[in-house]
Amino acid sequence: MRKIIFTLLSVLLVSCSLDSDLQPTTNPIANWSLVQSIGGVSGTTSDFQTDQIVWTFDEVSGVLTVEHNTSGVSEALDPGTYDYTIENIANANFIFINGVEYGSIIIGVSTFRIDQNITSDGSSVSDKFEYRFSR
């Protein structure tokens, strides 16, 4: 009987220590490269190389840092730091940058999209942009 109890306790202790090693760690900093901009009044599409325009989200501080690693590119936000929040409104997620609604967002494992044509109040706009990002 003691051998059974000892064996069960050993298995329990080993499995607990293994479980803690396997717990995923969350990174409060997420880097996204702008890879495509679609829309505007003229309906243009602009493609960008990875790391040309990088948005870094610090989830802990709520600060977005935008870097342009090339000259002559002016897409989305100017280089700098911005406060941001993400809010769920009517079962959709929206990003607010410096307190102003910036667009609807969809976040995947390796892709991220901001669509300025979808607004939280349901109003329809058609001359805004959709920004596509990748990791």
Protein backbone atom coordinates (compact mmCIF):
# COMPACT_ATOMS: atom_id res chain seq x y z
CA MET A 1 0.00 0.00 0.00
CA ARG A 2 2.85 2.38 0.84
CA LYS A 3 4.48 1.65 -2.50
CA ILE A 4 1.27 2.61 -4.30
CA ILE A 5 0.90 5.87 -2.36
CA PHE A 6 4.60 6.68 -2.86
CA THR A 7 4.29 5.98 -6.60
CA LEU A 8 1.16 8.14 -6.94
CA LEU A 9 2.78 11.03 -5.06
CA SER A 10 5.92 10.76 -7.18
CA VAL A 11 3.91 10.84 -10.39
CA LEU A 12 1.88 13.79 -9.11
CA LEU A 13 4.97 15.80 -8.16
CA VAL A 14 6.74 15.07 -11.44
CA SER A 15 3.68 15.94 -13.52
CA CYS A 16 3.20 19.22 -11.64
CA SER A 17 6.76 20.30 -12.26
CA LEU A 18 6.49 19.31 -15.93
CA ASP A 19 3.23 21.23 -16.32
CA SER A 20 4.78 24.44 -15.02
CA ASP A 21 7.63 24.08 -17.51
CA LEU A 22 5.14 23.76 -20.37
CA GLN A 23 3.05 26.82 -19.48
CA PRO A 24 3.14 29.29 -22.34
CA THR A 25 4.68 32.63 -21.57
CA THR A 26 2.98 35.70 -22.94
CA ASN A 27 5.05 38.41 -24.48
CA PRO A 28 3.63 41.83 -23.68
CA ILE A 29 5.43 43.26 -26.71
CA ALA A 30 4.18 42.45 -30.20
CA ASN A 31 5.96 43.56 -33.39
CA TRP A 32 4.05 43.78 -36.67
CA SER A 33 5.35 44.76 -40.11
CA LEU A 34 3.01 46.70 -42.37
CA VAL A 35 2.98 44.71 -45.61
CA GLN A 36 0.05 46.22 -47.51
CA SER A 37 -2.15 49.30 -47.57
CA ILE A 38 -5.39 49.17 -49.58
CA GLY A 39 -7.98 51.86 -50.27
CA GLY A 40 -8.29 55.57 -49.92
CA VAL A 41 -10.21 57.81 -52.29
CA SER A 42 -8.32 56.47 -55.31
CA GLY A 43 -8.44 52.83 -54.19
CA THR A 44 -4.70 52.30 -54.39
CA THR A 45 -2.73 49.33 -53.12
CA SER A 46 0.77 49.75 -51.72
CA ASP A 47 2.98 46.81 -50.83
CA PHE A 48 5.87 47.00 -48.37
CA GLN A 49 8.78 44.77 -47.51
CA THR A 50 8.84 43.15 -44.09
CA ASP A 51 10.43 45.46 -41.49
CA GLN A 52 10.07 48.54 -43.72
CA ILE A 53 7.32 49.91 -41.42
CA VAL A 54 7.11 48.29 -37.98
CA TRP A 55 4.44 48.79 -35.35
CA THR A 56 5.43 47.65 -31.84
CA PHE A 57 2.61 47.23 -29.33
CA ASP A 58 3.53 47.22 -25.64
CA GLU A 59 0.46 45.64 -24.04
CA VAL A 60 1.57 46.47 -20.50
CA SER A 61 2.00 50.22 -20.98
CA GLY A 62 -0.55 50.63 -23.79
CA VAL A 63 2.03 52.33 -26.01
CA LEU A 64 2.39 51.83 -29.76
CA THR A 65 5.74 52.69 -31.36
CA VAL A 66 5.83 53.19 -35.13
CA GLU A 67 9.15 52.96 -36.98
CA HIS A 68 9.80 53.68 -40.65
CA ASN A 69 13.01 51.92 -41.63
CA THR A 70 13.10 53.46 -45.08
CA SER A 71 12.85 56.98 -46.43
CA GLY A 72 10.06 58.37 -48.58
CA VAL A 73 7.30 56.20 -47.13
CA SER A 74 4.29 57.84 -45.54
CA GLU A 75 1.71 55.19 -44.78
CA ALA A 76 -0.68 54.87 -41.86
CA LEU A 77 0.94 56.61 -38.88
CA ASP A 78 4.02 58.80 -38.81
CA PRO A 79 7.00 57.46 -36.86
CA GLY A 80 6.60 58.05 -33.14
CA THR A 81 4.85 56.77 -30.03
CA TYR A 82 1.11 56.69 -29.45
CA ASP A 83 -1.20 55.59 -26.65
CA TYR A 84 -3.58 52.86 -27.73
CA THR A 85 -6.44 50.76 -26.43
CA ILE A 86 -8.39 47.89 -27.93
CA GLU A 87 -12.10 47.77 -27.17
CA ASN A 88 -14.72 45.16 -27.93
CA ILE A 89 -17.82 46.92 -29.24
CA ALA A 90 -20.82 44.99 -30.61
CA ASN A 91 -18.79 41.75 -30.79
CA ALA A 92 -15.99 43.31 -32.83
CA ASN A 93 -12.59 44.66 -31.76
CA PHE A 94 -11.59 48.23 -32.47
CA ILE A 95 -8.30 50.00 -31.91
CA PHE A 96 -8.22 53.53 -30.54
CA ILE A 97 -5.00 55.49 -31.03
CA ASN A 98 -4.51 58.58 -28.87
CA GLY A 99 -8.19 58.28 -27.93
CA VAL A 100 -9.49 58.31 -31.51
CA GLU A 101 -11.07 55.28 -33.18
CA TYR A 102 -8.62 54.06 -35.82
CA GLY A 103 -10.46 51.02 -37.17
CA SER A 104 -11.74 47.50 -36.74
CA ILE A 105 -9.05 44.91 -36.04
CA ILE A 106 -8.64 41.22 -36.61
CA ILE A 107 -5.59 39.55 -35.06
CA GLY A 108 -4.36 36.13 -36.13
CA VAL A 109 -1.28 34.15 -35.22
CA SER A 110 0.86 35.67 -37.96
CA THR A 111 -1.42 38.32 -39.46
CA PHE A 112 -3.07 41.47 -38.19
CA ARG A 113 -5.52 43.71 -40.04
CA ILE A 114 -6.91 47.18 -39.37
CA ASP A 115 -9.94 48.13 -41.47
CA GLN A 116 -10.88 51.79 -41.20
CA ASN A 117 -14.00 51.23 -43.33
CA ILE A 118 -15.67 49.39 -40.42
CA THR A 119 -16.67 51.69 -37.58
CA SER A 120 -17.86 50.92 -34.07
CA ASP A 121 -21.08 52.90 -34.57
CA GLY A 122 -21.99 50.92 -37.69
CA SER A 123 -21.75 53.89 -40.07
CA SER A 124 -20.53 53.08 -43.55
CA VAL A 125 -17.40 54.65 -45.00
CA SER A 126 -15.71 53.63 -48.22
CA ASP A 127 -12.73 55.91 -48.74
CA LYS A 128 -10.64 54.83 -45.78
CA PHE A 129 -7.80 52.31 -45.69
CA GLU A 130 -7.26 48.70 -44.78
CA TYR A 131 -3.82 47.97 -43.37
CA ARG A 132 -2.40 44.45 -43.39
CA PHE A 133 0.45 43.41 -41.13
CA SER A 134 2.49 40.25 -40.65
CA ARG A 135 5.03 38.95 -38.15
